[in-house]
Protein backbone atom coordinates (compact mmCIF):
# COMPACT_ATOMS: atom_id res chain seq x y z
CA MET A 1 2.61 -29.91 42.55
CA SER A 2 -0.47 -30.88 44.36
CA VAL A 3 -0.68 -34.69 44.92
CA ALA A 4 -3.82 -36.84 44.99
CA ILE A 5 -3.68 -40.34 46.40
CA VAL A 6 -6.34 -42.67 45.02
CA THR A 7 -6.96 -46.13 46.48
CA GLY A 8 -8.54 -48.87 44.42
CA SER A 9 -7.00 -46.86 41.50
CA SER A 10 -7.54 -49.66 38.97
CA GLY A 11 -11.21 -50.23 39.87
CA LEU A 12 -14.24 -48.55 38.31
CA ILE A 13 -14.34 -45.43 40.45
CA GLY A 14 -10.67 -45.28 41.21
CA SER A 15 -9.61 -45.36 37.57
CA GLU A 16 -12.25 -42.79 36.63
CA THR A 17 -10.83 -40.62 39.42
CA VAL A 18 -7.26 -41.01 38.17
CA CYS A 19 -8.31 -40.01 34.62
CA PHE A 20 -10.27 -36.96 36.02
CA LEU A 21 -7.64 -35.64 38.25
CA GLN A 22 -4.90 -36.13 35.66
CA GLY A 23 -7.05 -33.90 33.47
CA LYS A 24 -7.16 -31.24 36.22
CA GLY A 25 -3.35 -31.21 36.45
CA LEU A 26 -2.89 -33.01 39.78
CA ASP A 27 0.00 -35.40 40.41
CA VAL A 28 -1.78 -38.77 40.99
CA VAL A 29 -0.53 -41.76 43.06
CA GLY A 30 -2.66 -44.85 42.69
CA ILE A 31 -2.79 -47.63 45.29
CA ASP A 32 -4.11 -51.00 44.06
CA ASN A 33 -2.94 -54.54 44.56
CA ASN A 34 -5.61 -56.21 42.50
CA MET A 35 -7.42 -57.86 45.47
CA ARG A 36 -10.44 -57.82 43.25
CA GLN A 37 -9.00 -60.82 41.50
CA TYR A 38 -8.66 -62.56 44.86
CA PHE A 39 -12.30 -61.77 45.57
CA PHE A 40 -13.80 -62.53 42.26
CA GLY A 41 -11.43 -64.52 40.17
CA LEU A 42 -10.24 -63.58 36.62
CA ASP A 43 -13.49 -61.80 35.88
CA GLY A 44 -12.69 -59.32 38.58
CA SER A 45 -8.99 -58.76 37.69
CA VAL A 46 -8.05 -55.10 37.25
CA ASP A 47 -4.61 -55.56 35.84
CA TRP A 48 -5.77 -54.52 32.33
CA ASN A 49 -6.97 -51.26 33.82
CA THR A 50 -3.62 -50.60 35.54
CA GLU A 51 -1.75 -51.11 32.17
CA ARG A 52 -4.23 -48.78 30.51
CA LEU A 53 -3.74 -46.04 33.05
CA GLN A 54 0.08 -46.35 32.90
CA LYS A 55 0.01 -46.18 29.16
CA ALA A 56 -2.38 -43.21 28.94
CA PHE A 57 -0.67 -41.14 31.76
CA PRO A 58 3.14 -41.53 31.81
CA GLY A 59 3.24 -39.32 35.02
CA PHE A 60 0.80 -41.64 36.92
CA ARG A 61 2.40 -43.57 39.67
CA HIS A 62 0.99 -46.96 40.52
CA GLU A 63 1.73 -48.47 43.91
CA ALA A 64 0.86 -52.22 44.44
CA VAL A 65 0.19 -51.68 48.12
CA ASP A 66 -2.28 -53.37 50.47
CA ILE A 67 -4.22 -50.63 52.27
CA ARG A 68 -4.06 -52.76 55.47
CA ASP A 69 -0.25 -52.55 55.54
CA GLN A 70 0.07 -49.66 57.91
CA THR A 71 3.91 -49.35 57.68
CA THR A 72 3.93 -49.07 53.92
CA VAL A 73 0.99 -46.69 53.74
CA GLU A 74 2.48 -44.49 56.44
CA GLU A 75 5.77 -44.39 54.42
CA LEU A 76 3.90 -43.42 51.26
CA PHE A 77 2.00 -40.61 53.01
CA LYS A 78 5.13 -39.44 54.81
CA ARG A 79 7.01 -39.28 51.54
CA HIS A 80 4.58 -36.88 50.01
CA GLY A 81 3.56 -35.13 53.24
CA ARG A 82 1.64 -31.86 52.95
CA SER A 83 1.82 -31.97 49.10
CA VAL A 84 -1.10 -34.37 49.44
CA SER A 85 -4.16 -32.14 48.90
CA LEU A 86 -6.70 -34.92 48.23
CA VAL A 87 -7.25 -38.60 49.24
CA VAL A 88 -9.97 -40.52 47.39
CA HIS A 89 -10.57 -43.89 49.10
CA CYS A 90 -12.26 -46.33 46.70
CA ALA A 91 -10.54 -49.64 47.69
CA ALA A 92 -12.91 -52.14 49.23
CA GLN A 93 -14.38 -55.69 49.47
CA PRO A 94 -17.78 -54.93 47.88
CA SER A 95 -19.74 -58.14 47.85
CA HIS A 96 -22.38 -59.43 50.30
CA ASP A 97 -21.83 -63.06 49.43
CA TRP A 98 -17.95 -62.98 49.46
CA ALA A 99 -17.90 -61.27 52.94
CA ALA A 100 -19.61 -64.34 54.43
CA ARG A 101 -16.81 -66.57 53.20
CA GLU A 102 -14.04 -64.64 54.87
CA PRO A 103 -15.51 -62.22 57.42
CA ALA A 104 -12.12 -61.33 58.86
CA THR A 105 -10.69 -60.39 55.52
CA ASP A 106 -13.77 -58.35 54.64
CA PHE A 107 -13.66 -56.33 57.91
CA SER A 108 -9.88 -55.85 57.71
CA VAL A 109 -10.04 -54.46 54.20
CA ASN A 110 -13.20 -52.32 54.53
CA ALA A 111 -12.83 -51.08 58.17
CA GLY A 112 -9.20 -51.67 59.03
CA GLY A 113 -7.87 -50.44 55.74
CA THR A 114 -9.98 -47.19 56.09
CA LEU A 115 -8.63 -46.61 59.59
CA VAL A 116 -5.06 -46.97 58.27
CA LEU A 117 -5.68 -44.33 55.58
CA LEU A 118 -7.43 -42.01 57.88
CA GLU A 119 -4.61 -42.18 60.42
CA ALA A 120 -1.98 -41.66 57.70
CA THR A 121 -3.84 -38.59 56.43
CA ARG A 122 -4.26 -37.14 59.91
CA ARG A 123 -0.45 -37.53 60.66
CA TRP A 124 1.07 -36.50 57.35
CA ALA A 125 -1.56 -34.56 55.34
CA PRO A 126 -4.05 -33.09 57.80
CA ASP A 127 -5.09 -30.33 55.40
CA ALA A 128 -6.09 -32.82 52.59
CA VAL A 129 -9.66 -33.49 51.59
CA PHE A 130 -10.54 -37.07 52.35
CA ILE A 131 -13.36 -38.69 50.21
CA PHE A 132 -14.78 -42.05 50.99
CA THR A 133 -16.85 -44.21 48.76
CA SER A 134 -19.26 -45.81 51.15
CA THR A 135 -22.37 -47.75 50.08
CA ASN A 136 -26.21 -47.62 50.53
CA LYS A 137 -25.63 -51.11 52.22
CA VAL A 138 -24.98 -49.18 55.37
CA TYR A 139 -28.71 -48.87 55.79
CA GLY A 140 -29.00 -52.75 55.70
CA ASP A 141 -32.30 -54.13 54.54
CA ARG A 142 -34.25 -51.21 56.10
CA PRO A 143 -35.40 -50.11 52.69
CA ASN A 144 -37.31 -53.48 52.33
CA ALA A 145 -39.66 -52.47 55.05
CA LEU A 146 -40.96 -49.55 52.81
CA PRO A 147 -44.45 -49.92 51.41
CA LEU A 148 -43.50 -51.42 48.02
CA GLN A 149 -46.01 -52.18 45.26
CA GLU A 150 -45.46 -54.85 42.55
CA GLN A 151 -45.70 -53.75 38.98
CA PRO A 152 -45.21 -55.88 35.79
CA LYS A 153 -41.45 -55.34 35.60
CA ARG A 154 -40.47 -53.58 38.79
CA TRP A 155 -41.12 -52.87 42.40
CA GLU A 156 -42.21 -49.27 43.08
CA LEU A 157 -42.75 -47.30 46.28
CA ASP A 158 -46.20 -46.19 47.32
CA PRO A 159 -46.71 -42.81 45.79
CA SER A 160 -47.94 -41.39 49.09
CA HIS A 161 -44.61 -42.20 50.93
CA PRO A 162 -42.28 -39.23 51.55
CA PHE A 163 -39.43 -41.09 49.70
CA ALA A 164 -41.53 -41.73 46.56
CA GLU A 165 -40.85 -38.57 44.62
CA HIS A 166 -37.04 -38.17 45.07
CA GLY A 167 -35.85 -41.41 46.65
CA ILE A 168 -34.24 -42.34 49.95
CA ASP A 169 -32.54 -39.64 51.93
CA GLU A 170 -29.90 -39.78 54.68
CA SER A 171 -32.42 -39.76 57.45
CA LEU A 172 -33.05 -43.49 57.08
CA SER A 173 -31.94 -45.46 60.10
CA VAL A 174 -28.84 -47.67 60.04
CA ASP A 175 -29.91 -49.49 63.26
CA GLN A 176 -31.83 -52.69 64.03
CA THR A 177 -31.49 -54.21 60.55
CA LEU A 178 -29.79 -56.95 58.57
CA HIS A 179 -26.80 -55.49 56.93
CA SER A 180 -24.78 -58.42 55.52
CA LEU A 181 -21.27 -58.68 56.85
CA MET A 182 -20.09 -56.39 54.04
CA GLY A 183 -22.71 -53.79 54.93
CA ALA A 184 -21.47 -53.93 58.58
CA SER A 185 -17.79 -53.42 57.67
CA LYS A 186 -18.58 -50.59 55.38
CA LEU A 187 -20.78 -48.98 58.03
CA ALA A 188 -17.85 -49.11 60.44
CA ALA A 189 -15.62 -47.50 57.86
CA ASP A 190 -18.38 -44.89 57.16
CA ILE A 191 -18.55 -43.95 60.87
CA LEU A 192 -14.80 -43.77 61.18
CA VAL A 193 -14.63 -41.37 58.32
CA GLN A 194 -17.40 -39.10 59.86
CA GLU A 195 -15.52 -39.31 63.15
CA TYR A 196 -12.21 -38.32 61.87
CA GLY A 197 -14.00 -35.33 60.45
CA ARG A 198 -15.94 -34.29 63.45
CA TYR A 199 -13.36 -35.26 66.06
CA PHE A 200 -10.11 -34.38 64.47
CA GLY A 201 -11.36 -31.68 62.01
CA LEU A 202 -10.33 -33.50 58.85
CA LYS A 203 -12.19 -32.38 55.70
CA THR A 204 -14.10 -35.68 55.10
CA ALA A 205 -16.98 -36.50 52.78
CA THR A 206 -18.80 -39.85 52.69
CA PHE A 207 -20.68 -40.91 49.50
CA ARG A 208 -23.24 -43.67 50.14
CA GLY A 209 -23.64 -44.92 46.60
CA GLY A 210 -26.26 -46.84 44.87
CA CYS A 211 -25.06 -48.87 41.81
CA LEU A 212 -21.89 -47.38 40.35
CA THR A 213 -21.27 -48.20 36.81
CA GLY A 214 -19.31 -47.36 33.73
CA PRO A 215 -17.15 -48.81 30.89
CA SER A 216 -14.13 -49.52 33.23
CA HIS A 217 -16.09 -51.81 35.49
CA SER A 218 -14.63 -55.38 35.84
CA GLY A 219 -18.07 -56.79 36.40
CA ALA A 220 -18.25 -60.12 38.16
CA GLU A 221 -21.19 -62.35 39.37
CA LEU A 222 -20.91 -61.16 42.87
CA HIS A 223 -20.43 -57.45 42.14
CA GLY A 224 -21.17 -54.91 39.33
CA PHE A 225 -24.53 -56.10 37.99
CA LEU A 226 -24.87 -53.82 34.96
CA ALA A 227 -21.32 -54.52 33.71
CA TYR A 228 -21.57 -58.17 34.38
CA LEU A 229 -25.09 -58.46 32.78
CA VAL A 230 -23.69 -56.85 29.59
CA LYS A 231 -20.69 -59.19 29.73
CA CYS A 232 -23.04 -62.25 29.94
CA ALA A 233 -25.27 -61.01 27.10
CA VAL A 234 -22.37 -60.22 24.71
CA SER A 235 -20.53 -63.49 25.54
CA GLY A 236 -23.64 -65.69 25.68
CA LYS A 237 -23.01 -66.68 29.38
CA PRO A 238 -26.12 -67.39 31.51
CA TYR A 239 -26.95 -64.78 34.06
CA THR A 240 -28.61 -65.72 37.38
CA VAL A 241 -30.97 -63.25 39.14
CA PHE A 242 -31.29 -63.67 42.90
CA GLY A 243 -34.75 -63.14 44.26
CA TYR A 244 -37.54 -60.62 44.08
CA LYS A 245 -38.66 -61.91 40.64
CA GLY A 246 -36.00 -59.80 38.86
CA LYS A 247 -38.12 -56.73 39.68
CA GLN A 248 -35.63 -55.24 42.22
CA VAL A 249 -34.89 -51.66 41.42
CA ARG A 250 -31.43 -49.92 41.43
CA ASP A 251 -30.43 -46.42 40.61
CA ASN A 252 -27.35 -46.23 38.44
CA ILE A 253 -24.77 -43.45 38.36
CA HIS A 254 -21.91 -43.25 35.85
CA SER A 255 -18.42 -43.25 37.27
CA PHE A 256 -17.80 -39.81 35.66
CA ASP A 257 -20.83 -38.16 37.29
CA LEU A 258 -19.63 -39.53 40.74
CA VAL A 259 -16.05 -38.36 40.29
CA ASN A 260 -17.30 -35.02 39.14
CA ALA A 261 -19.12 -34.82 42.44
CA PHE A 262 -15.80 -35.65 44.28
CA TRP A 263 -14.23 -32.66 42.47
CA HIS A 264 -16.98 -30.24 43.65
CA VAL A 265 -16.26 -31.43 47.23
CA PHE A 266 -12.47 -30.91 46.62
CA GLU A 267 -13.14 -27.34 45.52
CA GLY A 268 -15.47 -26.59 48.39
CA PRO A 269 -14.78 -29.10 51.27
CA GLN A 270 -16.78 -29.52 54.42
CA VAL A 271 -16.19 -31.51 57.58
CA GLY A 272 -17.94 -34.77 58.21
CA ALA A 273 -20.31 -34.51 55.23
CA VAL A 274 -22.55 -37.49 54.34
CA TYR A 275 -24.41 -37.87 51.07
CA ASN A 276 -26.59 -40.49 49.40
CA ILE A 277 -25.47 -40.49 45.84
CA GLY A 278 -26.70 -42.44 42.82
CA GLY A 279 -28.83 -42.21 39.68
CA SER A 280 -31.85 -40.96 41.66
CA ARG A 281 -35.10 -40.60 39.67
CA HIS A 282 -32.84 -39.52 36.79
CA SER A 283 -31.47 -42.97 36.12
CA ASN A 284 -32.89 -46.16 37.48
CA CYS A 285 -34.16 -49.56 36.40
CA SER A 286 -35.13 -53.04 37.62
CA ILE A 287 -33.10 -56.02 36.53
CA LEU A 288 -35.82 -57.03 34.07
CA GLU A 289 -35.91 -53.55 32.67
CA ALA A 290 -32.03 -53.66 32.33
CA ILE A 291 -32.20 -56.90 30.43
CA ASP A 292 -34.80 -55.47 28.02
CA LEU A 293 -32.61 -52.37 27.33
CA ILE A 294 -29.39 -54.30 26.97
CA GLU A 295 -30.98 -56.67 24.44
CA GLU A 296 -32.31 -53.62 22.54
CA LEU A 297 -28.97 -51.80 22.46
CA SER A 298 -26.66 -54.74 21.83
CA GLY A 299 -28.66 -56.99 19.57
CA PHE A 300 -27.72 -59.92 21.88
CA ARG A 301 -30.13 -62.05 23.99
CA ALA A 302 -29.42 -62.03 27.65
CA GLN A 303 -29.85 -65.61 28.79
CA HIS A 304 -31.02 -65.46 32.42
CA SER A 305 -32.84 -67.31 35.13
CA ILE A 306 -34.40 -66.19 38.35
CA VAL A 307 -33.97 -68.11 41.65
CA ASP A 308 -36.22 -67.48 44.58
CA ARG A 309 -33.44 -66.86 47.19
CA PRO A 310 -32.29 -63.23 47.41
CA ARG A 311 -28.90 -62.23 48.62
CA ALA A 312 -28.75 -61.48 52.44
CA GLY A 313 -29.26 -57.76 53.02
CA ASP A 314 -30.10 -57.13 49.41
CA HIS A 315 -32.44 -54.23 48.58
CA ILE A 316 -35.76 -54.74 46.79
CA TRP A 317 -36.00 -51.04 45.92
CA TRP A 318 -33.23 -48.43 46.07
CA ILE A 319 -33.40 -44.90 44.59
CA SER A 320 -31.01 -42.29 46.12
CA ASP A 321 -32.34 -38.86 47.01
CA VAL A 322 -29.40 -36.65 46.04
CA ARG A 323 -30.89 -33.33 47.01
CA ARG A 324 -28.60 -32.89 50.07
CA PHE A 325 -25.55 -32.98 47.80
CA GLN A 326 -27.27 -30.72 45.23
CA ALA A 327 -28.05 -28.25 47.93
CA ASP A 328 -24.39 -28.02 49.02
CA TYR A 329 -23.04 -28.08 45.43
CA PRO A 330 -25.76 -26.68 43.13
CA THR A 331 -23.52 -26.44 40.04
CA TRP A 332 -23.18 -30.30 39.96
CA SER A 333 -25.43 -32.17 37.44
CA TYR A 334 -25.72 -35.46 35.65
CA ARG A 335 -23.97 -36.03 32.25
CA TYR A 336 -25.17 -39.60 31.81
CA ASP A 337 -28.51 -41.23 31.69
CA LEU A 338 -29.17 -45.01 31.79
CA ARG A 339 -29.21 -45.46 28.00
CA ARG A 340 -25.95 -43.62 27.45
CA MET A 341 -24.25 -45.55 30.26
CA LEU A 342 -25.23 -48.88 28.72
CA GLU A 343 -24.16 -47.86 25.30
CA GLU A 344 -20.70 -47.20 26.63
CA ILE A 345 -20.52 -50.40 28.61
CA ILE A 346 -21.58 -52.51 25.59
CA VAL A 347 -18.90 -50.99 23.49
CA ALA A 348 -16.20 -51.42 26.00
CA THR A 349 -17.22 -54.97 26.75
CA ARG A 350 -17.14 -55.97 23.04
CA GLU A 351 -13.67 -54.56 22.69
CA ARG A 352 -12.30 -56.33 25.85
CA LEU A 353 -13.85 -59.64 24.88
CA ARG A 354 -12.51 -59.30 21.37
C-alpha cells in the first residue's frame, strides 16, 4: 500500500491531512512528539488530537519522534522505503515571540528538522511528493510598506495598488526586511525545500500560508488567533490584541481547503513549486471584525484589550493571492468561508471545554 508520512500529525494541518489521506486509502504514518506543549504550555498540547486520531483510524500509526533526530527519522524512512509516495511536512515552531526566547531551538526545529526530512526523502523515497507548510512570514514585514488606508474596523490596501484586487502574490521580495527569528528560520526551510526540488529533482511544493484554521486547532496566545480568540470568548478569558488598533487584517483558510490543495499537488506534482495560499478575498477579516462575528455566532462576549506594541515582524494587512495555485490546479476551490469556519470552531471549542 502507498504510504504517506505526515509530520506534526496531531496539529491543525497535520491531523486534517491524516483524516483526508485515510479517506483516500493511503497508509498514514504520523510523526508528532507534542512539542507544541513545550512551546505554548497546556493550551498548546495536542495529546487529545493524537488520541482522537488513533481511535478514529485503527490503521493509523503514530510515531512520537523528534524531526531533528536524524538517526530515528532515517530509520523510519528506510523501513518504508519506496512505498512512501507522499511526505507532508507540517511540524514547526510557529510563533514570533517564542522564537526570540530560544532562537537555537526555533532554528533547529524549523530549518534543521526540515533538512533532516528532505535528506531522508532524497535517500529513501526519492519518487515521493514532498509538501511543505511554509508561512507568509517569509516575506517579513515587507507587506507593512504597502500603501494602507485606515478604515473604521480594518486596514485596507489602496485600491490603485496592483495587490488590491486579489491580494499579495509570490513576487513580493523576501529581502531587506524584518522577519522575526521564526520568519527567518521558516525562510531557510522554505529555500531548502525549493533547492531539493530544483537541485536534486524532488517533487516539492511549498505553501506560504496566511492564517490556517479549523476545529482541530489547539489555539494558544502566541499562535492560532481565531481558535484562541474563540476559546477566550467561550471560557470568559481576556484576550489581548497586540498593536495596529486591532484593525490588522488576516486571510483565513480552513484546514480542509488547504489539505485538499495538497491532494491536488499529489495527483499532479511539479518540481520546486511555490504558492501563496490563504483565504484570499474569499475569506478575510480584521481582529475587530473577527470579535464581532464570534460574539454574534457564539452568544458570548469576547473580553479584549488592545496594547500599542505590535509583535515583531507582524503584518498589518495580509491577503493571499492564490491565482498561481489556481492556474496550476484549476479544479481546486474553497469549501469554507469565514462564517462556516467560525461556526465549526465554536462548536468544537465548547465540546472540548465541556
